[in-house]
C-alpha atoms as a PDB file:
ATOM      1  CA  MET A   1      -1.243 -19.472  -5.525  1.00  0.00           C
ATOM      2  CA  THR A   2       2.035 -18.326  -4.542  1.00  0.00           C
ATOM      3  CA  PHE A   3       3.873 -15.395  -5.940  1.00  0.00           C
ATOM      4  CA  GLU A   4       7.671 -14.602  -6.234  1.00  0.00           C
ATOM      5  CA  SER A   5       7.166 -11.004  -7.128  1.00  0.00           C
ATOM      6  CA  HIS A   6       4.861  -7.689  -7.549  1.00  0.00           C
ATOM      7  CA  GLU A   7       4.965  -8.400 -11.657  1.00  0.00           C
ATOM      8  CA  ALA A   8       3.661 -12.137 -10.571  1.00  0.00           C
ATOM      9  CA  TYR A   9       0.781 -10.707  -8.614  1.00  0.00           C
ATOM     10  CA  PHE A  10       0.134  -8.134 -11.331  1.00  0.00           C
ATOM     11  CA  ALA A  11      -0.045 -10.628 -14.160  1.00  0.00           C
ATOM     12  CA  THR A  12      -3.427 -12.045 -12.558  1.00  0.00           C
ATOM     13  CA  LEU A  13      -5.002  -9.129 -12.779  1.00  0.00           C
ATOM     14  CA  ALA A  14      -7.347  -7.143 -15.224  1.00  0.00           C
ATOM     15  CA  PRO A  15      -5.330  -4.801 -17.316  1.00  0.00           C
ATOM     16  CA  ALA A  16      -7.270  -1.505 -15.649  1.00  0.00           C
ATOM     17  CA  VAL A  17      -6.657  -2.925 -11.997  1.00  0.00           C
ATOM     18  CA  ARG A  18      -2.991  -3.882 -13.167  1.00  0.00           C
ATOM     19  CA  GLU A  19      -2.346  -0.239 -14.238  1.00  0.00           C
ATOM     20  CA  ARG A  20      -3.497   0.914 -10.877  1.00  0.00           C
ATOM     21  CA  LEU A  21      -1.666  -1.293  -8.361  1.00  0.00           C
ATOM     22  CA  GLU A  22       1.668  -0.320 -10.996  1.00  0.00           C
ATOM     23  CA  CYS A  23       0.682   3.305 -10.008  1.00  0.00           C
ATOM     24  CA  ILE A  24       0.644   2.665  -6.490  1.00  0.00           C
ATOM     25  CA  GLN A  25       4.100   0.861  -6.905  1.00  0.00           C
ATOM     26  CA  GLN A  26       5.807   3.566  -8.653  1.00  0.00           C
ATOM     27  CA  THR A  27       4.486   6.442  -6.018  1.00  0.00           C
ATOM     28  CA  VAL A  28       6.031   4.468  -3.040  1.00  0.00           C
ATOM     29  CA  GLU A  29       9.167   4.152  -5.038  1.00  0.00           C
ATOM     30  CA  ARG A  30       9.178   7.839  -5.714  1.00  0.00           C
ATOM     31  CA  ARG A  31       8.148   8.946  -2.251  1.00  0.00           C
ATOM     32  CA  VAL A  32      10.301   6.563  -0.115  1.00  0.00           C
ATOM     33  CA  PRO A  33      13.632   6.164  -1.338  1.00  0.00           C
ATOM     34  CA  GLY A  34      15.307   2.796  -0.896  1.00  0.00           C
ATOM     35  CA  ALA A  35      12.165   0.720  -0.598  1.00  0.00           C
ATOM     36  CA  GLN A  36      12.393  -2.404  -1.718  1.00  0.00           C
ATOM     37  CA  ARG A  37      10.002  -4.701  -3.566  1.00  0.00           C
ATOM     38  CA  CYS A  38       8.926  -7.751  -1.605  1.00  0.00           C
ATOM     39  CA  ILE A  39       5.872 -10.151  -1.070  1.00  0.00           C
ATOM     40  CA  SER A  40       4.322 -10.504   2.063  1.00  0.00           C
ATOM     41  CA  TYR A  41       1.579 -12.764   3.299  1.00  0.00           C
ATOM     42  CA  GLN A  42       0.887 -13.119  -0.889  1.00  0.00           C
ATOM     43  CA  MET A  43       0.615  -9.404  -1.613  1.00  0.00           C
ATOM     44  CA  PRO A  44       2.713  -7.242  -3.041  1.00  0.00           C
ATOM     45  CA  ALA A  45       4.807  -5.316  -0.409  1.00  0.00           C
ATOM     46  CA  PHE A  46       7.877  -2.921   0.641  1.00  0.00           C
ATOM     47  CA  ARG A  47      10.465  -2.928   3.440  1.00  0.00           C
ATOM     48  CA  GLN A  48      13.239  -1.042   4.399  1.00  0.00           C
ATOM     49  CA  ARG A  49      14.423  -3.561   6.863  1.00  0.00           C
ATOM     50  CA  ARG A  50      11.140  -4.529   7.603  1.00  0.00           C
ATOM     51  CA  VAL A  51       7.904  -4.786   5.673  1.00  0.00           C
ATOM     52  CA  PHE A  52       6.187  -1.056   6.012  1.00  0.00           C
ATOM     53  CA  PHE A  53       3.047  -1.219   3.231  1.00  0.00           C
ATOM     54  CA  PHE A  54       1.371  -3.763   1.648  1.00  0.00           C
ATOM     55  CA  PHE A  55      -1.258  -3.362  -1.083  1.00  0.00           C
ATOM     56  CA  ALA A  56      -3.677  -5.549  -3.148  1.00  0.00           C
ATOM     57  CA  ALA A  57      -6.336  -6.106  -5.169  1.00  0.00           C
ATOM     58  CA  PHE A  58      -9.945  -7.008  -4.318  1.00  0.00           C
ATOM     59  CA  LYS A  59     -12.921  -7.255  -6.584  1.00  0.00           C
ATOM     60  CA  LYS A  60     -14.252  -4.072  -5.620  1.00  0.00           C
ATOM     61  CA  HIS A  61     -11.256  -2.111  -4.212  1.00  0.00           C
ATOM     62  CA  ILE A  62      -7.580  -1.901  -3.889  1.00  0.00           C
ATOM     63  CA  GLY A  63      -6.481  -2.167  -0.227  1.00  0.00           C
ATOM     64  CA  VAL A  64      -3.445  -0.486   1.575  1.00  0.00           C
ATOM     65  CA  TYR A  65      -2.215  -1.797   5.137  1.00  0.00           C
ATOM     66  CA  PRO A  66      -1.203  -1.865   7.601  1.00  0.00           C
ATOM     67  CA  PRO A  67      -2.852   1.321   9.144  1.00  0.00           C
ATOM     68  CA  VAL A  68      -1.471   4.671   9.879  1.00  0.00           C
ATOM     69  CA  THR A  69      -1.346   4.998  13.616  1.00  0.00           C
ATOM     70  CA  SER A  70       1.236   7.874  14.311  1.00  0.00           C
ATOM     71  CA  ASP A  71      -0.004  11.029  11.978  1.00  0.00           C
ATOM     72  CA  ALA A  72      -3.516  12.519  13.380  1.00  0.00           C
ATOM     73  CA  ALA A  73      -3.962  14.979  10.467  1.00  0.00           C
ATOM     74  CA  LEU A  74      -3.477  11.933   7.771  1.00  0.00           C
ATOM     75  CA  ILE A  75      -5.528   9.458   9.855  1.00  0.00           C
ATOM     76  CA  ALA A  76      -8.264  12.127   9.756  1.00  0.00           C
ATOM     77  CA  GLU A  77      -7.637  12.677   6.083  1.00  0.00           C
ATOM     78  CA  THR A  78      -7.988   9.337   5.259  1.00  0.00           C
ATOM     79  CA  ALA A  79     -11.190   8.806   6.990  1.00  0.00           C
ATOM     80  CA  ARG A  80     -13.383   8.127   4.356  1.00  0.00           C
ATOM     81  CA  TYR A  81     -10.943   5.204   3.224  1.00  0.00           C
ATOM     82  CA  ARG A  82     -10.243   3.667   6.557  1.00  0.00           C
ATOM     83  CA  GLY A  83     -12.074   0.365   7.461  1.00  0.00           C
ATOM     84  CA  PRO A  84     -12.670  -0.743  10.956  1.00  0.00           C
ATOM     85  CA  LYS A  85      -9.151  -1.837  11.701  1.00  0.00           C
ATOM     86  CA  GLY A  86      -7.859   1.325  10.434  1.00  0.00           C
ATOM     87  CA  ASN A  87      -7.276  -0.471   6.707  1.00  0.00           C
ATOM     88  CA  LEU A  88      -7.404   1.761   3.643  1.00  0.00           C
ATOM     89  CA  SER A  89      -9.913   0.843   0.663  1.00  0.00           C
ATOM     90  CA  PHE A  90      -9.678   2.611  -2.034  1.00  0.00           C
ATOM     91  CA  PRO A  91     -12.998   2.141  -4.451  1.00  0.00           C
ATOM     92  CA  LEU A  92     -12.042   0.920  -8.303  1.00  0.00           C
ATOM     93  CA  ASN A  93     -14.959   3.012  -9.607  1.00  0.00           C
ATOM     94  CA  GLU A  94     -13.371   6.109  -7.997  1.00  0.00           C
ATOM     95  CA  ALA A  95      -9.910   8.132  -9.054  1.00  0.00           C
ATOM     96  CA  LEU A  96      -6.781   6.948  -7.022  1.00  0.00           C
ATOM     97  CA  PRO A  97      -5.693   9.609  -4.790  1.00  0.00           C
ATOM     98  CA  LEU A  98      -1.755   8.735  -5.242  1.00  0.00           C
ATOM     99  CA  ASP A  99      -0.858  11.751  -3.543  1.00  0.00           C
ATOM    100  CA  LEU A 100      -2.456  10.621  -0.565  1.00  0.00           C
ATOM    101  CA  ILE A 101      -1.248   7.008  -0.873  1.00  0.00           C
ATOM    102  CA  GLY A 102       2.184   8.030  -1.447  1.00  0.00           C
ATOM    103  CA  ARG A 103       1.604  10.355   2.103  1.00  0.00           C
ATOM    104  CA  VAL A 104       0.548   7.342   3.696  1.00  0.00           C
ATOM    105  CA  ALA A 105       3.446   5.145   2.400  1.00  0.00           C
ATOM    106  CA  GLU A 106       6.050   7.740   3.731  1.00  0.00           C
ATOM    107  CA  ALA A 107       3.838   7.854   7.077  1.00  0.00           C
ATOM    108  CA  LEU A 108       4.134   3.927   7.533  1.00  0.00           C
ATOM    109  CA  ALA A 109       7.837   4.035   6.317  1.00  0.00           C
ATOM    110  CA  ALA A 110       8.493   6.453   9.055  1.00  0.00           C
ATOM    111  CA  GLN A 111       6.186   4.488  11.511  1.00  0.00           C
ATOM    112  CA  TYR A 112       8.010   1.249  11.292  1.00  0.00           C
ATOM    113  CA  ALA A 113      11.312   2.720  11.270  1.00  0.00           C
ATOM    114  CA  ALA A 114      10.425   4.348  14.578  1.00  0.00           C
ATOM    115  CA  GLN A 115       8.610   1.374  16.322  1.00  0.00           C
ATOM    116  CA  GLY A 116       9.810  -1.782  14.451  1.00  0.00           C
ATOM    117  CA  GLY A 117       7.124  -3.163  11.827  1.00  0.00           C
ATOM    118  CA  PRO A 118       4.942  -6.168  11.118  1.00  0.00           C
ATOM    119  CA  GLY A 119       7.264  -8.299   8.907  1.00  0.00           C
END
């Protein structure tokens, strides 16, 4: 399936999961002024010149990509959510830490502005 927008992706999800992704979308837009919605790798994403933040729904979690690599304090704070490659997984059966996700988005925007990005 090919998605043309965040909304097209969200429309394929159960309402409770859609609401979580909409909250992440709003958080990123509030915390990273000028971030533009896009689809990359068939996932909702945000860009500022380059794509810096991807997020997607899975059976038991919401994934946030790519990993933060330049903020040691934030890396430590996200440790319980980090997978083997550093990507973040937020279980669907837990409260969504929107402030933390917002800080991750800010860090990724800064990280990819400084070094170039994944897309």
